[in-house]
Amino acid sequence: MSFGDSVTLEQFIWESDDSDKDNNFKNDVALYTQEDPLPTVQRLSHNLDIPIGSVVRYILCKWAMSGSESLLDLGPDMVKKIADIFDDAESENTDTARLEAYNSVKAIMSWMKVPLDNPNYRG
């Protein structure tokens, strides 16, 4: 599908439907399309002297690539490890298992944050 040089920004009206596999995403779209983003985009364009179309294109590309970028930042092995922790807890289906999963992921995040919290940690 080609949009040419224009896209119509429109609200998305959605009645939540838990049976729809894309319900969470559609709920987000419905929530975020209630506001008009153009005043913010126009100010950004004007204040930084960047064409409005370039700002919109940047926002769309940045959002579209964020999932892949996050995967690269974290690494596929770590993503799998964290997902496995949660999957195992859900398969046990107990609050204790879920709490243990939370604590495991919290511990992983705490050591991953060391370079952010202390840039001189190796020095």
N, C-alpha and C. Protein backbone atom coordinates (compact mmCIF):
# COMPACT_ATOMS: atom_id res chain seq x y z
N MET A 1 0.85 -1.17 0.00
CA MET A 1 0.00 0.00 0.00
C MET A 1 0.89 1.23 0.00
N SER A 2 0.60 2.15 -0.86
CA SER A 2 1.37 3.38 -0.93
C SER A 2 0.51 4.54 -0.43
N PHE A 3 1.13 5.39 0.40
CA PHE A 3 0.41 6.54 0.93
C PHE A 3 0.73 7.81 0.16
N GLY A 4 1.67 7.74 -0.78
CA GLY A 4 2.06 8.94 -1.49
C GLY A 4 2.71 9.92 -0.54
N ASP A 5 2.35 11.17 -0.66
CA ASP A 5 2.96 12.20 0.19
C ASP A 5 2.09 12.60 1.37
N SER A 6 0.97 11.94 1.58
CA SER A 6 0.13 12.36 2.69
C SER A 6 -0.49 11.16 3.41
N VAL A 7 -0.71 11.35 4.67
CA VAL A 7 -1.37 10.37 5.52
C VAL A 7 -2.39 11.14 6.36
N THR A 8 -3.56 10.60 6.51
CA THR A 8 -4.56 11.23 7.35
C THR A 8 -4.40 10.73 8.77
N LEU A 9 -4.19 11.66 9.70
CA LEU A 9 -4.10 11.29 11.11
C LEU A 9 -5.52 11.24 11.66
N GLU A 10 -5.92 10.07 12.13
CA GLU A 10 -7.29 9.91 12.57
C GLU A 10 -7.36 9.18 13.90
N GLN A 11 -8.43 9.40 14.61
CA GLN A 11 -8.66 8.69 15.85
C GLN A 11 -9.08 7.26 15.54
N PHE A 12 -8.72 6.37 16.44
CA PHE A 12 -9.14 4.98 16.33
C PHE A 12 -10.06 4.70 17.52
N ILE A 13 -11.29 4.37 17.22
CA ILE A 13 -12.28 4.08 18.25
C ILE A 13 -12.36 2.55 18.38
N TRP A 14 -12.19 2.06 19.60
CA TRP A 14 -12.12 0.62 19.81
C TRP A 14 -12.78 0.27 21.12
N GLU A 15 -13.68 -0.69 21.08
CA GLU A 15 -14.23 -1.25 22.30
C GLU A 15 -13.40 -2.47 22.64
N SER A 16 -12.77 -2.43 23.79
CA SER A 16 -11.89 -3.52 24.21
C SER A 16 -12.57 -4.87 24.06
N ASP A 17 -11.81 -5.83 23.50
CA ASP A 17 -12.33 -7.17 23.25
C ASP A 17 -11.24 -8.17 23.62
N ASP A 18 -11.34 -8.76 24.80
CA ASP A 18 -10.30 -9.68 25.29
C ASP A 18 -10.10 -10.89 24.39
N SER A 19 -11.07 -11.20 23.55
CA SER A 19 -10.93 -12.35 22.65
C SER A 19 -10.07 -12.03 21.42
N ASP A 20 -9.82 -10.75 21.19
CA ASP A 20 -9.00 -10.33 20.05
C ASP A 20 -7.54 -10.42 20.45
N LYS A 21 -6.74 -11.17 19.69
CA LYS A 21 -5.33 -11.36 20.04
C LYS A 21 -4.54 -10.06 20.02
N ASP A 22 -5.04 -9.06 19.36
CA ASP A 22 -4.36 -7.76 19.27
C ASP A 22 -5.02 -6.71 20.15
N ASN A 23 -5.79 -7.15 21.13
CA ASN A 23 -6.56 -6.25 21.97
C ASN A 23 -5.69 -5.20 22.67
N ASN A 24 -4.56 -5.60 23.24
CA ASN A 24 -3.71 -4.65 23.97
C ASN A 24 -3.19 -3.56 23.04
N PHE A 25 -2.75 -3.95 21.86
CA PHE A 25 -2.25 -2.97 20.91
C PHE A 25 -3.38 -2.03 20.47
N LYS A 26 -4.53 -2.58 20.16
CA LYS A 26 -5.66 -1.76 19.73
C LYS A 26 -6.11 -0.81 20.83
N ASN A 27 -6.06 -1.27 22.09
CA ASN A 27 -6.38 -0.39 23.21
C ASN A 27 -5.40 0.79 23.26
N ASP A 28 -4.11 0.50 23.05
CA ASP A 28 -3.10 1.57 23.03
C ASP A 28 -3.35 2.55 21.89
N VAL A 29 -3.64 2.02 20.71
CA VAL A 29 -3.90 2.89 19.56
C VAL A 29 -5.10 3.78 19.86
N ALA A 30 -6.15 3.19 20.40
CA ALA A 30 -7.35 3.97 20.73
C ALA A 30 -7.02 5.05 21.76
N LEU A 31 -6.21 4.72 22.75
CA LEU A 31 -5.85 5.68 23.78
C LEU A 31 -5.01 6.83 23.21
N TYR A 32 -3.97 6.49 22.46
CA TYR A 32 -3.03 7.51 22.00
C TYR A 32 -3.53 8.32 20.81
N THR A 33 -4.57 7.85 20.13
CA THR A 33 -5.07 8.63 19.00
C THR A 33 -6.17 9.60 19.40
N GLN A 34 -6.43 9.70 20.69
CA GLN A 34 -7.46 10.65 21.14
C GLN A 34 -6.92 12.08 21.14
N GLU A 35 -5.62 12.23 21.19
CA GLU A 35 -5.00 13.56 21.22
C GLU A 35 -4.43 13.90 19.84
N ASP A 36 -4.22 15.18 19.60
CA ASP A 36 -3.65 15.66 18.35
C ASP A 36 -2.15 15.88 18.55
N PRO A 37 -1.30 15.10 17.88
CA PRO A 37 0.15 15.25 18.07
C PRO A 37 0.74 16.41 17.29
N LEU A 38 -0.01 16.97 16.36
CA LEU A 38 0.56 17.98 15.46
C LEU A 38 1.07 19.24 16.15
N PRO A 39 0.41 19.79 17.16
CA PRO A 39 1.00 20.98 17.79
C PRO A 39 2.41 20.73 18.32
N THR A 40 2.64 19.58 18.93
CA THR A 40 3.97 19.25 19.44
C THR A 40 4.96 19.07 18.30
N VAL A 41 4.53 18.36 17.26
CA VAL A 41 5.41 18.12 16.11
C VAL A 41 5.72 19.45 15.41
N GLN A 42 4.73 20.30 15.28
CA GLN A 42 4.94 21.61 14.64
C GLN A 42 5.93 22.47 15.43
N ARG A 43 5.79 22.48 16.77
CA ARG A 43 6.73 23.25 17.60
C ARG A 43 8.14 22.70 17.45
N LEU A 44 8.27 21.40 17.49
CA LEU A 44 9.58 20.77 17.33
C LEU A 44 10.18 21.13 15.98
N SER A 45 9.38 21.02 14.94
CA SER A 45 9.82 21.36 13.59
C SER A 45 10.28 22.81 13.53
N HIS A 46 9.46 23.70 14.05
CA HIS A 46 9.77 25.14 14.01
C HIS A 46 11.01 25.46 14.85
N ASN A 47 11.06 24.96 16.09
CA ASN A 47 12.16 25.30 17.00
C ASN A 47 13.50 24.74 16.55
N LEU A 48 13.49 23.62 15.88
CA LEU A 48 14.75 23.00 15.44
C LEU A 48 15.04 23.24 13.96
N ASP A 49 14.13 23.91 13.29
CA ASP A 49 14.28 24.18 11.86
C ASP A 49 14.48 22.89 11.06
N ILE A 50 13.58 21.95 11.32
CA ILE A 50 13.56 20.66 10.61
C ILE A 50 12.18 20.57 9.96
N PRO A 51 12.10 20.19 8.69
CA PRO A 51 10.79 20.07 8.04
C PRO A 51 9.87 19.13 8.84
N ILE A 52 8.60 19.51 8.91
CA ILE A 52 7.65 18.74 9.69
C ILE A 52 7.56 17.28 9.20
N GLY A 53 7.63 17.08 7.90
CA GLY A 53 7.60 15.72 7.35
C GLY A 53 8.78 14.90 7.82
N SER A 54 9.93 15.53 7.98
CA SER A 54 11.12 14.83 8.47
C SER A 54 10.95 14.43 9.93
N VAL A 55 10.35 15.31 10.73
CA VAL A 55 10.10 14.99 12.13
C VAL A 55 9.13 13.81 12.24
N VAL A 56 8.06 13.86 11.47
CA VAL A 56 7.08 12.77 11.49
C VAL A 56 7.73 11.46 11.03
N ARG A 57 8.51 11.53 9.96
CA ARG A 57 9.19 10.33 9.46
C ARG A 57 10.14 9.77 10.51
N TYR A 58 10.88 10.65 11.19
CA TYR A 58 11.79 10.22 12.26
C TYR A 58 11.02 9.50 13.36
N ILE A 59 9.91 10.10 13.80
CA ILE A 59 9.12 9.50 14.88
C ILE A 59 8.62 8.12 14.48
N LEU A 60 8.10 8.01 13.26
CA LEU A 60 7.59 6.72 12.79
C LEU A 60 8.69 5.67 12.68
N CYS A 61 9.82 6.06 12.11
CA CYS A 61 10.94 5.12 11.96
C CYS A 61 11.50 4.71 13.31
N LYS A 62 11.65 5.68 14.20
CA LYS A 62 12.19 5.40 15.53
C LYS A 62 11.29 4.41 16.26
N TRP A 63 9.98 4.64 16.21
CA TRP A 63 9.05 3.73 16.87
C TRP A 63 9.07 2.35 16.21
N ALA A 64 9.05 2.32 14.89
CA ALA A 64 8.99 1.05 14.17
C ALA A 64 10.23 0.20 14.43
N MET A 65 11.37 0.84 14.63
CA MET A 65 12.61 0.09 14.82
C MET A 65 12.92 -0.17 16.30
N SER A 66 12.13 0.38 17.22
CA SER A 66 12.48 0.28 18.63
C SER A 66 12.52 -1.16 19.15
N GLY A 67 11.65 -2.02 18.64
CA GLY A 67 11.67 -3.42 19.09
C GLY A 67 12.96 -4.11 18.70
N SER A 68 13.39 -3.96 17.47
CA SER A 68 14.64 -4.56 17.01
C SER A 68 15.82 -3.95 17.74
N GLU A 69 15.77 -2.64 17.95
CA GLU A 69 16.86 -1.95 18.65
C GLU A 69 16.97 -2.45 20.08
N SER A 70 15.85 -2.65 20.74
CA SER A 70 15.86 -3.16 22.11
C SER A 70 16.43 -4.56 22.16
N LEU A 71 16.06 -5.39 21.20
CA LEU A 71 16.60 -6.74 21.15
C LEU A 71 18.11 -6.72 20.98
N LEU A 72 18.60 -5.85 20.10
CA LEU A 72 20.05 -5.75 19.91
C LEU A 72 20.73 -5.24 21.17
N ASP A 73 20.12 -4.27 21.84
CA ASP A 73 20.71 -3.73 23.06
C ASP A 73 20.82 -4.79 24.15
N LEU A 74 19.76 -5.53 24.35
CA LEU A 74 19.73 -6.53 25.41
C LEU A 74 20.40 -7.83 25.00
N GLY A 75 20.26 -8.19 23.75
CA GLY A 75 20.86 -9.43 23.24
C GLY A 75 19.85 -10.56 23.27
N PRO A 76 19.84 -11.38 22.21
CA PRO A 76 18.85 -12.45 22.11
C PRO A 76 18.96 -13.49 23.24
N ASP A 77 20.16 -13.77 23.71
CA ASP A 77 20.30 -14.74 24.79
C ASP A 77 19.65 -14.25 26.08
N MET A 78 19.86 -12.97 26.39
CA MET A 78 19.28 -12.43 27.61
C MET A 78 17.76 -12.33 27.49
N VAL A 79 17.26 -11.96 26.33
CA VAL A 79 15.81 -11.90 26.12
C VAL A 79 15.21 -13.28 26.34
N LYS A 80 15.85 -14.31 25.78
CA LYS A 80 15.36 -15.68 25.95
C LYS A 80 15.42 -16.11 27.41
N LYS A 81 16.52 -15.78 28.09
CA LYS A 81 16.66 -16.15 29.49
C LYS A 81 15.54 -15.53 30.33
N ILE A 82 15.28 -14.25 30.14
CA ILE A 82 14.23 -13.57 30.91
C ILE A 82 12.86 -14.13 30.55
N ALA A 83 12.61 -14.35 29.26
CA ALA A 83 11.32 -14.92 28.85
C ALA A 83 11.12 -16.31 29.45
N ASP A 84 12.19 -17.11 29.49
CA ASP A 84 12.09 -18.45 30.07
C ASP A 84 11.76 -18.40 31.56
N ILE A 85 12.33 -17.42 32.26
CA ILE A 85 12.03 -17.27 33.69
C ILE A 85 10.54 -17.04 33.88
N PHE A 86 9.98 -16.14 33.09
CA PHE A 86 8.55 -15.85 33.22
C PHE A 86 7.69 -17.02 32.74
N ASP A 87 8.09 -17.66 31.64
CA ASP A 87 7.33 -18.81 31.14
C ASP A 87 7.28 -19.93 32.16
N ASP A 88 8.42 -20.20 32.81
CA ASP A 88 8.46 -21.25 33.84
C ASP A 88 7.54 -20.91 35.00
N ALA A 89 7.57 -19.65 35.42
CA ALA A 89 6.70 -19.23 36.53
C ALA A 89 5.23 -19.37 36.14
N GLU A 90 4.89 -18.97 34.94
CA GLU A 90 3.49 -19.08 34.50
C GLU A 90 3.06 -20.53 34.38
N SER A 91 3.97 -21.41 33.98
CA SER A 91 3.58 -22.82 33.87
C SER A 91 3.33 -23.43 35.25
N GLU A 92 4.03 -22.93 36.28
CA GLU A 92 3.76 -23.40 37.65
C GLU A 92 2.46 -22.81 38.17
N ASN A 93 2.13 -21.60 37.69
CA ASN A 93 0.85 -20.96 38.00
C ASN A 93 0.62 -20.75 39.50
N THR A 94 1.68 -20.31 40.18
CA THR A 94 1.54 -19.99 41.60
C THR A 94 2.11 -18.60 41.86
N ASP A 95 1.60 -17.96 42.90
CA ASP A 95 2.12 -16.66 43.28
C ASP A 95 3.59 -16.76 43.71
N THR A 96 3.93 -17.86 44.35
CA THR A 96 5.32 -18.06 44.79
C THR A 96 6.26 -18.12 43.59
N ALA A 97 5.88 -18.86 42.56
CA ALA A 97 6.71 -18.96 41.35
C ALA A 97 6.81 -17.60 40.66
N ARG A 98 5.72 -16.87 40.62
CA ARG A 98 5.76 -15.54 40.00
C ARG A 98 6.65 -14.59 40.79
N LEU A 99 6.60 -14.65 42.10
CA LEU A 99 7.46 -13.80 42.93
C LEU A 99 8.93 -14.18 42.74
N GLU A 100 9.21 -15.46 42.66
CA GLU A 100 10.58 -15.90 42.41
C GLU A 100 11.07 -15.42 41.04
N ALA A 101 10.19 -15.45 40.05
CA ALA A 101 10.55 -14.95 38.71
C ALA A 101 10.85 -13.46 38.77
N TYR A 102 10.00 -12.72 39.46
CA TYR A 102 10.23 -11.28 39.62
C TYR A 102 11.59 -11.04 40.26
N ASN A 103 11.89 -11.75 41.34
CA ASN A 103 13.17 -11.56 42.03
C ASN A 103 14.35 -11.95 41.15
N SER A 104 14.19 -12.99 40.34
CA SER A 104 15.27 -13.40 39.42
C SER A 104 15.54 -12.32 38.39
N VAL A 105 14.49 -11.79 37.79
CA VAL A 105 14.66 -10.75 36.77
C VAL A 105 15.17 -9.46 37.41
N LYS A 106 14.71 -9.17 38.61
CA LYS A 106 15.21 -7.99 39.33
C LYS A 106 16.72 -8.11 39.57
N ALA A 107 17.18 -9.29 39.92
CA ALA A 107 18.62 -9.51 40.14
C ALA A 107 19.40 -9.33 38.83
N ILE A 108 18.86 -9.85 37.74
CA ILE A 108 19.52 -9.69 36.44
C ILE A 108 19.62 -8.21 36.09
N MET A 109 18.52 -7.49 36.27
CA MET A 109 18.51 -6.06 35.95
C MET A 109 19.47 -5.28 36.85
N SER A 110 19.60 -5.68 38.10
CA SER A 110 20.48 -4.94 39.00
C SER A 110 21.94 -5.04 38.55
N TRP A 111 22.37 -6.21 38.08
CA TRP A 111 23.77 -6.27 37.62
C TRP A 111 23.93 -5.67 36.24
N MET A 112 22.86 -5.66 35.44
CA MET A 112 22.96 -5.00 34.13
C MET A 112 23.02 -3.48 34.28
N LYS A 113 22.47 -2.96 35.38
CA LYS A 113 22.47 -1.52 35.62
C LYS A 113 23.79 -0.99 36.17
N VAL A 114 24.68 -1.86 36.61
CA VAL A 114 25.91 -1.39 37.23
C VAL A 114 26.63 -0.35 36.38
N PRO A 115 26.85 -0.58 35.08
CA PRO A 115 27.54 0.45 34.30
C PRO A 115 26.77 1.77 34.19
N LEU A 116 25.45 1.72 34.30
CA LEU A 116 24.64 2.94 34.26
C LEU A 116 24.73 3.70 35.57
N ASP A 117 24.74 2.96 36.67
CA ASP A 117 24.78 3.58 37.99
C ASP A 117 26.19 4.03 38.37
N ASN A 118 27.20 3.33 37.85
CA ASN A 118 28.58 3.64 38.20
C ASN A 118 29.46 3.50 36.95
N PRO A 119 29.61 4.57 36.19
CA PRO A 119 30.38 4.49 34.94
C PRO A 119 31.84 4.07 35.15
N ASN A 120 32.35 4.20 36.36
CA ASN A 120 33.75 3.85 36.64
C ASN A 120 33.87 2.48 37.30
N TYR A 121 32.88 1.63 37.14
CA TYR A 121 32.87 0.37 37.85
C TYR A 121 34.06 -0.54 37.51
N ARG A 122 34.65 -0.38 36.35
CA ARG A 122 35.81 -1.21 35.96
C ARG A 122 37.13 -0.56 36.35
N GLY A 123 37.06 0.70 36.74
CA GLY A 123 38.28 1.45 37.00
C GLY A 123 38.70 1.34 38.38
